């Protein structure tokens, strides 16, 4: 069975302590610690050595999705403890201003494909530019971003075929026209199933659908994720 868990930010925004408890009480052992907003990074990384993460088989950190170039070295410095703890760090390619600053992360750096708001990281050609700058980096495939960019899932399939050997984490949610991460719809389930065969079962799945205000539940989104990633086979006659 696929390892499926949640982003702490989707469950409780800045309260990663509460989100971890919510997952632990449900025996969910896959988690991404969210620091999507710059002001969330320092509290998370300072707490990192004290967090009870023993019950989790996979833990990653999502770096801030937006910050000025002048603060890049400070962001990287805050994330350095993840290297010693062997925790992967997910980054958006448009926040990598100086590739040299990120080289020490090696394969623990997971570069994520982007939604249609961005001018980089949406297609195979754009992601290749990012990996050319950081050839040791791994890949975080956001299947919701891929569907928003190309609803036919053709580009999503191409991303997996081009960078599947780097794939280390999957993000899953419905990404709406405003680039918000919503609970997964039946249409999204069908679209995701069309490329599920390209995603190895061992890859940890992080759900990003916002449920912090009761939009859905942890259990419902995990069930939809399992359906989304069910490999469909052609019926035989």
C-alpha atoms as a PDB file:
ATOM      1  CA  UNK A   1       0.000   0.000   0.000  1.00  0.00           C
ATOM      2  CA  UNK A   2       1.235   3.489  -0.844  1.00  0.00           C
ATOM      3  CA  UNK A   3       2.655   5.535   2.063  1.00  0.00           C
ATOM      4  CA  UNK A   4       0.271   8.494   2.363  1.00  0.00           C
ATOM      5  CA  UNK A   5       0.325  11.369   4.823  1.00  0.00           C
ATOM      6  CA  UNK A   6      -0.254  15.099   5.109  1.00  0.00           C
ATOM      7  CA  UNK A   7       1.366  18.493   5.102  1.00  0.00           C
ATOM      8  CA  UNK A   8       1.103  19.978   8.591  1.00  0.00           C
ATOM      9  CA  UNK A   9       0.069  23.282   7.025  1.00  0.00           C
ATOM     10  CA  UNK A  10      -2.990  21.735   5.419  1.00  0.00           C
ATOM     11  CA  UNK A  11      -4.222  20.435   8.773  1.00  0.00           C
ATOM     12  CA  UNK A  12      -3.369  23.263  11.157  1.00  0.00           C
ATOM     13  CA  UNK A  13      -1.508  25.987   9.245  1.00  0.00           C
ATOM     14  CA  UNK A  14       1.226  27.260  11.600  1.00  0.00           C
ATOM     15  CA  UNK A  15       0.477  24.844  14.442  1.00  0.00           C
ATOM     16  CA  UNK A  16       2.713  21.948  13.410  1.00  0.00           C
ATOM     17  CA  UNK A  17       2.587  20.505  16.931  1.00  0.00           C
ATOM     18  CA  UNK A  18      -1.190  20.013  16.654  1.00  0.00           C
ATOM     19  CA  UNK A  19      -0.925  18.636  13.130  1.00  0.00           C
ATOM     20  CA  UNK A  20       1.636  16.053  14.242  1.00  0.00           C
ATOM     21  CA  UNK A  21      -0.636  14.949  17.074  1.00  0.00           C
ATOM     22  CA  UNK A  22      -3.574  14.629  14.665  1.00  0.00           C
ATOM     23  CA  UNK A  23      -1.521  12.325  12.433  1.00  0.00           C
ATOM     24  CA  UNK A  24       0.009  10.306  15.263  1.00  0.00           C
ATOM     25  CA  UNK A  25      -3.381   9.554  16.824  1.00  0.00           C
ATOM     26  CA  UNK A  26      -4.427   8.095  13.465  1.00  0.00           C
ATOM     27  CA  UNK A  27      -1.206   6.068  13.057  1.00  0.00           C
ATOM     28  CA  UNK A  28      -0.303   8.004   9.907  1.00  0.00           C
ATOM     29  CA  UNK A  29       3.453   7.826   9.503  1.00  0.00           C
ATOM     30  CA  UNK A  30       4.139  10.148   6.561  1.00  0.00           C
ATOM     31  CA  UNK A  31       4.387  13.911   7.085  1.00  0.00           C
ATOM     32  CA  UNK A  32       5.690  17.092   5.531  1.00  0.00           C
ATOM     33  CA  UNK A  33       6.530  19.867   7.997  1.00  0.00           C
ATOM     34  CA  UNK A  34       5.279  23.044   6.393  1.00  0.00           C
ATOM     35  CA  UNK A  35       7.112  26.362   6.473  1.00  0.00           C
ATOM     36  CA  UNK A  36       5.473  27.755   3.343  1.00  0.00           C
ATOM     37  CA  UNK A  37       5.440  31.258   4.797  1.00  0.00           C
ATOM     38  CA  UNK A  38       8.803  32.803   5.599  1.00  0.00           C
ATOM     39  CA  UNK A  39       7.788  33.661   9.164  1.00  0.00           C
ATOM     40  CA  UNK A  40       7.057  29.970   9.833  1.00  0.00           C
ATOM     41  CA  UNK A  41      10.584  28.794   9.032  1.00  0.00           C
ATOM     42  CA  UNK A  42      12.574  29.805  12.112  1.00  0.00           C
ATOM     43  CA  UNK A  43      10.038  28.490  14.679  1.00  0.00           C
ATOM     44  CA  UNK A  44       9.886  25.165  12.835  1.00  0.00           C
ATOM     45  CA  UNK A  45      13.623  24.662  12.435  1.00  0.00           C
ATOM     46  CA  UNK A  46      14.338  25.713  16.035  1.00  0.00           C
ATOM     47  CA  UNK A  47      11.799  23.136  17.220  1.00  0.00           C
ATOM     48  CA  UNK A  48      12.988  20.440  14.837  1.00  0.00           C
ATOM     49  CA  UNK A  49      15.493  18.695  17.173  1.00  0.00           C
ATOM     50  CA  UNK A  50      12.839  18.440  19.897  1.00  0.00           C
ATOM     51  CA  UNK A  51       9.939  17.143  17.808  1.00  0.00           C
ATOM     52  CA  UNK A  52       8.757  13.594  18.387  1.00  0.00           C
ATOM     53  CA  UNK A  53       9.146  12.166  14.882  1.00  0.00           C
ATOM     54  CA  UNK A  54       9.979   8.571  15.830  1.00  0.00           C
ATOM     55  CA  UNK A  55       6.613   7.240  14.680  1.00  0.00           C
ATOM     56  CA  UNK A  56       7.071   8.642  11.165  1.00  0.00           C
ATOM     57  CA  UNK A  57       8.717   6.562   8.464  1.00  0.00           C
ATOM     58  CA  UNK A  58       9.023   9.609   6.175  1.00  0.00           C
ATOM     59  CA  UNK A  59       9.481  13.251   7.136  1.00  0.00           C
ATOM     60  CA  UNK A  60      10.210  16.180   4.862  1.00  0.00           C
ATOM     61  CA  UNK A  61      10.223  19.972   5.221  1.00  0.00           C
ATOM     62  CA  UNK A  62       8.651  22.411   2.787  1.00  0.00           C
ATOM     63  CA  UNK A  63      10.776  25.544   2.505  1.00  0.00           C
ATOM     64  CA  UNK A  64       9.127  28.965   2.175  1.00  0.00           C
ATOM     65  CA  UNK A  65       7.485  29.462  -1.201  1.00  0.00           C
ATOM     66  CA  UNK A  66       8.340  33.141  -1.412  1.00  0.00           C
ATOM     67  CA  UNK A  67      11.168  35.295  -0.089  1.00  0.00           C
ATOM     68  CA  UNK A  68      13.468  38.006  -1.473  1.00  0.00           C
ATOM     69  CA  UNK A  69      16.873  37.094  -2.827  1.00  0.00           C
ATOM     70  CA  UNK A  70      18.501  39.093  -0.045  1.00  0.00           C
ATOM     71  CA  UNK A  71      17.215  36.529   2.483  1.00  0.00           C
ATOM     72  CA  UNK A  72      18.187  33.397   0.565  1.00  0.00           C
ATOM     73  CA  UNK A  73      21.347  32.666   2.557  1.00  0.00           C
ATOM     74  CA  UNK A  74      19.390  33.110   5.806  1.00  0.00           C
ATOM     75  CA  UNK A  75      16.709  30.669   4.616  1.00  0.00           C
ATOM     76  CA  UNK A  76      19.336  28.096   3.661  1.00  0.00           C
ATOM     77  CA  UNK A  77      21.073  28.503   7.021  1.00  0.00           C
ATOM     78  CA  UNK A  78      17.812  27.826   8.876  1.00  0.00           C
ATOM     79  CA  UNK A  79      17.350  24.655   6.813  1.00  0.00           C
ATOM     80  CA  UNK A  80      20.852  23.257   7.376  1.00  0.00           C
ATOM     81  CA  UNK A  81      19.804  21.136  10.419  1.00  0.00           C
ATOM     82  CA  UNK A  82      17.737  19.035   8.024  1.00  0.00           C
ATOM     83  CA  UNK A  83      20.945  17.778   6.404  1.00  0.00           C
ATOM     84  CA  UNK A  84      22.291  16.299   9.641  1.00  0.00           C
ATOM     85  CA  UNK A  85      18.892  14.746  10.331  1.00  0.00           C
ATOM     86  CA  UNK A  86      18.664  13.435   6.736  1.00  0.00           C
ATOM     87  CA  UNK A  87      15.320  15.160   6.232  1.00  0.00           C
ATOM     88  CA  UNK A  88      14.498  16.093   2.612  1.00  0.00           C
ATOM     89  CA  UNK A  89      13.696  19.731   1.886  1.00  0.00           C
ATOM     90  CA  UNK A  90      11.133  20.652  -0.785  1.00  0.00           C
ATOM     91  CA  UNK A  91      11.844  23.897  -2.636  1.00  0.00           C
ATOM     92  CA  UNK A  92      10.202  25.853  -5.427  1.00  0.00           C
ATOM     93  CA  UNK A  93      12.608  26.476  -8.316  1.00  0.00           C
ATOM     94  CA  UNK A  94      11.815  30.198  -8.428  1.00  0.00           C
ATOM     95  CA  UNK A  95      13.226  30.573  -4.900  1.00  0.00           C
ATOM     96  CA  UNK A  96      16.614  29.172  -5.899  1.00  0.00           C
ATOM     97  CA  UNK A  97      18.414  32.395  -6.749  1.00  0.00           C
ATOM     98  CA  UNK A  98      21.941  31.076  -6.152  1.00  0.00           C
ATOM     99  CA  UNK A  99      22.267  27.356  -6.807  1.00  0.00           C
ATOM    100  CA  UNK A 100      25.601  27.279  -4.991  1.00  0.00           C
ATOM    101  CA  UNK A 101      23.895  27.984  -1.673  1.00  0.00           C
ATOM    102  CA  UNK A 102      21.800  24.816  -2.013  1.00  0.00           C
ATOM    103  CA  UNK A 103      24.431  22.350  -3.254  1.00  0.00           C
ATOM    104  CA  UNK A 104      25.237  20.971   0.192  1.00  0.00           C
ATOM    105  CA  UNK A 105      21.740  19.459   0.402  1.00  0.00           C
ATOM    106  CA  UNK A 106      22.581  17.102  -2.480  1.00  0.00           C
ATOM    107  CA  UNK A 107      19.823  14.556  -3.033  1.00  0.00           C
ATOM    108  CA  UNK A 108      17.965  15.825   0.059  1.00  0.00           C
ATOM    109  CA  UNK A 109      16.925  18.853  -1.988  1.00  0.00           C
ATOM    110  CA  UNK A 110      13.588  18.116  -3.697  1.00  0.00           C
ATOM    111  CA  UNK A 111      12.710  20.541  -6.495  1.00  0.00           C
ATOM    112  CA  UNK A 112       8.947  20.814  -7.073  1.00  0.00           C
ATOM    113  CA  UNK A 113       7.154  21.441 -10.364  1.00  0.00           C
ATOM    114  CA  UNK A 114       5.078  24.597 -10.356  1.00  0.00           C
ATOM    115  CA  UNK A 115       1.537  25.821 -11.022  1.00  0.00           C
ATOM    116  CA  UNK A 116       0.531  28.108 -13.867  1.00  0.00           C
ATOM    117  CA  UNK A 117       1.179  31.315 -11.886  1.00  0.00           C
ATOM    118  CA  UNK A 118       4.904  30.766 -12.131  1.00  0.00           C
ATOM    119  CA  UNK A 119       7.178  31.377 -15.110  1.00  0.00           C
ATOM    120  CA  UNK A 120       9.505  28.467 -14.246  1.00  0.00           C
ATOM    121  CA  UNK A 121       9.203  24.808 -13.282  1.00  0.00           C
ATOM    122  CA  UNK A 122       5.949  24.019 -15.118  1.00  0.00           C
ATOM    123  CA  UNK A 123       7.194  21.846 -17.956  1.00  0.00           C
ATOM    124  CA  UNK A 124       9.916  19.309 -18.674  1.00  0.00           C
ATOM    125  CA  UNK A 125      12.040  21.953 -20.381  1.00  0.00           C
ATOM    126  CA  UNK A 126      11.707  24.372 -17.452  1.00  0.00           C
ATOM    127  CA  UNK A 127      12.383  21.704 -14.827  1.00  0.00           C
ATOM    128  CA  UNK A 128      15.430  20.536 -16.753  1.00  0.00           C
ATOM    129  CA  UNK A 129      16.907  24.006 -16.347  1.00  0.00           C
ATOM    130  CA  UNK A 130      16.505  23.682 -12.576  1.00  0.00           C
ATOM    131  CA  UNK A 131      18.136  20.245 -12.475  1.00  0.00           C
ATOM    132  CA  UNK A 132      20.964  21.428 -14.719  1.00  0.00           C
ATOM    133  CA  UNK A 133      21.799  23.953 -11.997  1.00  0.00           C
ATOM    134  CA  UNK A 134      21.547  21.345  -9.211  1.00  0.00           C
ATOM    135  CA  UNK A 135      22.289  17.976 -10.811  1.00  0.00           C
ATOM    136  CA  UNK A 136      22.253  16.052  -7.515  1.00  0.00           C
ATOM    137  CA  UNK A 137      18.786  17.286  -6.521  1.00  0.00           C
ATOM    138  CA  UNK A 138      15.728  15.037  -6.348  1.00  0.00           C
ATOM    139  CA  UNK A 139      12.192  15.617  -7.655  1.00  0.00           C
ATOM    140  CA  UNK A 140       8.966  16.399  -5.812  1.00  0.00           C
ATOM    141  CA  UNK A 141       6.128  15.872  -8.271  1.00  0.00           C
ATOM    142  CA  UNK A 142       3.023  17.943  -7.562  1.00  0.00           C
ATOM    143  CA  UNK A 143       0.326  16.132  -9.508  1.00  0.00           C
ATOM    144  CA  UNK A 144      -2.213  18.888  -8.804  1.00  0.00           C
ATOM    145  CA  UNK A 145       0.096  21.541 -10.237  1.00  0.00           C
ATOM    146  CA  UNK A 146       0.668  19.355 -13.298  1.00  0.00           C
ATOM    147  CA  UNK A 147      -3.085  18.989 -13.889  1.00  0.00           C
ATOM    148  CA  UNK A 148      -3.687  22.720 -13.513  1.00  0.00           C
ATOM    149  CA  UNK A 149      -0.946  23.483 -16.070  1.00  0.00           C
ATOM    150  CA  UNK A 150      -2.186  20.784 -18.480  1.00  0.00           C
ATOM    151  CA  UNK A 151      -5.573  19.162 -17.705  1.00  0.00           C
ATOM    152  CA  UNK A 152      -4.869  16.405 -20.251  1.00  0.00           C
ATOM    153  CA  UNK A 153      -2.040  15.224 -17.948  1.00  0.00           C
ATOM    154  CA  UNK A 154       0.254  14.913 -20.964  1.00  0.00           C
ATOM    155  CA  UNK A 155       2.869  17.219 -19.448  1.00  0.00           C
ATOM    156  CA  UNK A 156       2.507  15.488 -16.079  1.00  0.00           C
ATOM    157  CA  UNK A 157       3.276  12.138 -17.667  1.00  0.00           C
ATOM    158  CA  UNK A 158       6.221  13.704 -19.487  1.00  0.00           C
ATOM    159  CA  UNK A 159       7.606  15.106 -16.225  1.00  0.00           C
ATOM    160  CA  UNK A 160       7.489  11.670 -14.622  1.00  0.00           C
ATOM    161  CA  UNK A 161       9.159  10.012 -17.579  1.00  0.00           C
ATOM    162  CA  UNK A 162      11.872  12.651 -17.755  1.00  0.00           C
ATOM    163  CA  UNK A 163      12.656  12.831 -14.031  1.00  0.00           C
ATOM    164  CA  UNK A 164      11.236   9.612 -12.614  1.00  0.00           C
ATOM    165  CA  UNK A 165      14.702   8.461 -11.589  1.00  0.00           C
ATOM    166  CA  UNK A 166      14.849  11.505  -9.269  1.00  0.00           C
ATOM    167  CA  UNK A 167      11.326  11.129  -7.849  1.00  0.00           C
ATOM    168  CA  UNK A 168      11.368  11.195  -4.033  1.00  0.00           C
ATOM    169  CA  UNK A 169       7.994  12.664  -3.006  1.00  0.00           C
ATOM    170  CA  UNK A 170       4.531  13.258  -4.452  1.00  0.00           C
ATOM    171  CA  UNK A 171       2.230  16.161  -3.607  1.00  0.00           C
ATOM    172  CA  UNK A 172      -1.472  15.501  -4.170  1.00  0.00           C
ATOM    173  CA  UNK A 173      -4.446  17.843  -4.029  1.00  0.00           C
ATOM    174  CA  UNK A 174      -6.902  19.582  -6.309  1.00  0.00           C
ATOM    175  CA  UNK A 175      -5.333  22.856  -7.446  1.00  0.00           C
ATOM    176  CA  UNK A 176      -8.029  25.314  -8.476  1.00  0.00           C
ATOM    177  CA  UNK A 177      -7.820  28.220 -10.929  1.00  0.00           C
ATOM    178  CA  UNK A 178      -6.587  30.502  -8.142  1.00  0.00           C
ATOM    179  CA  UNK A 179      -3.812  27.964  -7.373  1.00  0.00           C
ATOM    180  CA  UNK A 180      -5.378  27.070  -4.030  1.00  0.00           C
ATOM    181  CA  UNK A 181      -5.053  23.492  -2.770  1.00  0.00           C
ATOM    182  CA  UNK A 182      -8.587  22.115  -2.457  1.00  0.00           C
ATOM    183  CA  UNK A 183      -9.975  18.691  -1.501  1.00  0.00           C
ATOM    184  CA  UNK A 184      -9.769  16.240  -4.384  1.00  0.00           C
ATOM    185  CA  UNK A 185     -12.786  16.034  -6.706  1.00  0.00           C
ATOM    186  CA  UNK A 186     -13.958  13.043  -8.735  1.00  0.00           C
ATOM    187  CA  UNK A 187     -12.690  14.725 -11.901  1.00  0.00           C
ATOM    188  CA  UNK A 188      -9.257  15.087 -10.344  1.00  0.00           C
ATOM    189  CA  UNK A 189      -9.302  11.447  -9.233  1.00  0.00           C
ATOM    190  CA  UNK A 190      -9.935  10.382 -12.827  1.00  0.00           C
ATOM    191  CA  UNK A 191      -7.175  12.624 -14.181  1.00  0.00           C
ATOM    192  CA  UNK A 192      -4.660  11.436 -11.605  1.00  0.00           C
ATOM    193  CA  UNK A 193      -5.478   7.786 -12.320  1.00  0.00           C
ATOM    194  CA  UNK A 194      -4.425   8.328 -15.935  1.00  0.00           C
ATOM    195  CA  UNK A 195      -0.768   8.632 -14.901  1.00  0.00           C
ATOM    196  CA  UNK A 196      -0.752   6.634 -11.657  1.00  0.00           C
ATOM    197  CA  UNK A 197       1.149   3.809 -13.346  1.00  0.00           C
ATOM    198  CA  UNK A 198       4.128   6.162 -13.711  1.00  0.00           C
ATOM    199  CA  UNK A 199       4.400   6.638  -9.920  1.00  0.00           C
ATOM    200  CA  UNK A 200       6.091   3.798  -8.001  1.00  0.00           C
ATOM    201  CA  UNK A 201       4.142   2.582  -4.962  1.00  0.00           C
ATOM    202  CA  UNK A 202       7.073   3.224  -2.625  1.00  0.00           C
ATOM    203  CA  UNK A 203       7.030   6.997  -3.225  1.00  0.00           C
ATOM    204  CA  UNK A 204       5.666   8.863  -0.165  1.00  0.00           C
ATOM    205  CA  UNK A 205       2.524  10.864  -0.892  1.00  0.00           C
ATOM    206  CA  UNK A 206       1.892  14.193   0.861  1.00  0.00           C
ATOM    207  CA  UNK A 207      -1.660  15.522   0.774  1.00  0.00           C
ATOM    208  CA  UNK A 208      -1.933  19.306   0.579  1.00  0.00           C
ATOM    209  CA  UNK A 209      -5.709  19.755   0.414  1.00  0.00           C
ATOM    210  CA  UNK A 210      -6.623  22.423   2.952  1.00  0.00           C
ATOM    211  CA  UNK A 211      -8.797  20.911   5.668  1.00  0.00           C
ATOM    212  CA  UNK A 212      -7.900  23.382   8.405  1.00  0.00           C
ATOM    213  CA  UNK A 213     -11.402  24.894   8.406  1.00  0.00           C
ATOM    214  CA  UNK A 214     -13.386  21.712   7.952  1.00  0.00           C
ATOM    215  CA  UNK A 215     -13.255  21.625   4.151  1.00  0.00           C
ATOM    216  CA  UNK A 216     -12.714  17.857   4.340  1.00  0.00           C
ATOM    217  CA  UNK A 217     -11.216  15.303   6.715  1.00  0.00           C
ATOM    218  CA  UNK A 218      -7.902  13.498   6.946  1.00  0.00           C
ATOM    219  CA  UNK A 219      -9.637  10.160   6.382  1.00  0.00           C
ATOM    220  CA  UNK A 220     -11.610  11.327   3.349  1.00  0.00           C
ATOM    221  CA  UNK A 221      -8.581  12.828   1.616  1.00  0.00           C
ATOM    222  CA  UNK A 222      -6.480   9.720   2.231  1.00  0.00           C
ATOM    223  CA  UNK A 223      -9.235   7.566   0.713  1.00  0.00           C
ATOM    224  CA  UNK A 224      -9.417   9.875  -2.329  1.00  0.00           C
ATOM    225  CA  UNK A 225      -5.644   9.711  -2.667  1.00  0.00           C
ATOM    226  CA  UNK A 226      -5.716   5.913  -2.727  1.00  0.00           C
ATOM    227  CA  UNK A 227      -8.391   6.072  -5.436  1.00  0.00           C
ATOM    228  CA  UNK A 228      -6.416   8.697  -7.365  1.00  0.00           C
ATOM    229  CA  UNK A 229      -3.326   6.535  -7.446  1.00  0.00           C
ATOM    230  CA  UNK A 230      -5.039   3.274  -8.278  1.00  0.00           C
ATOM    231  CA  UNK A 231      -3.383   1.903 -11.376  1.00  0.00           C
ATOM    232  CA  UNK A 232      -6.075   1.276 -13.961  1.00  0.00           C
ATOM    233  CA  UNK A 233      -5.759  -1.716 -16.270  1.00  0.00           C
ATOM    234  CA  UNK A 234      -7.450  -2.232 -19.607  1.00  0.00           C
ATOM    235  CA  UNK A 235     -10.271  -4.720 -19.517  1.00  0.00           C
ATOM    236  CA  UNK A 236      -9.538  -7.871 -21.414  1.00  0.00           C
ATOM    237  CA  UNK A 237     -12.019  -9.450 -23.763  1.00  0.00           C
END
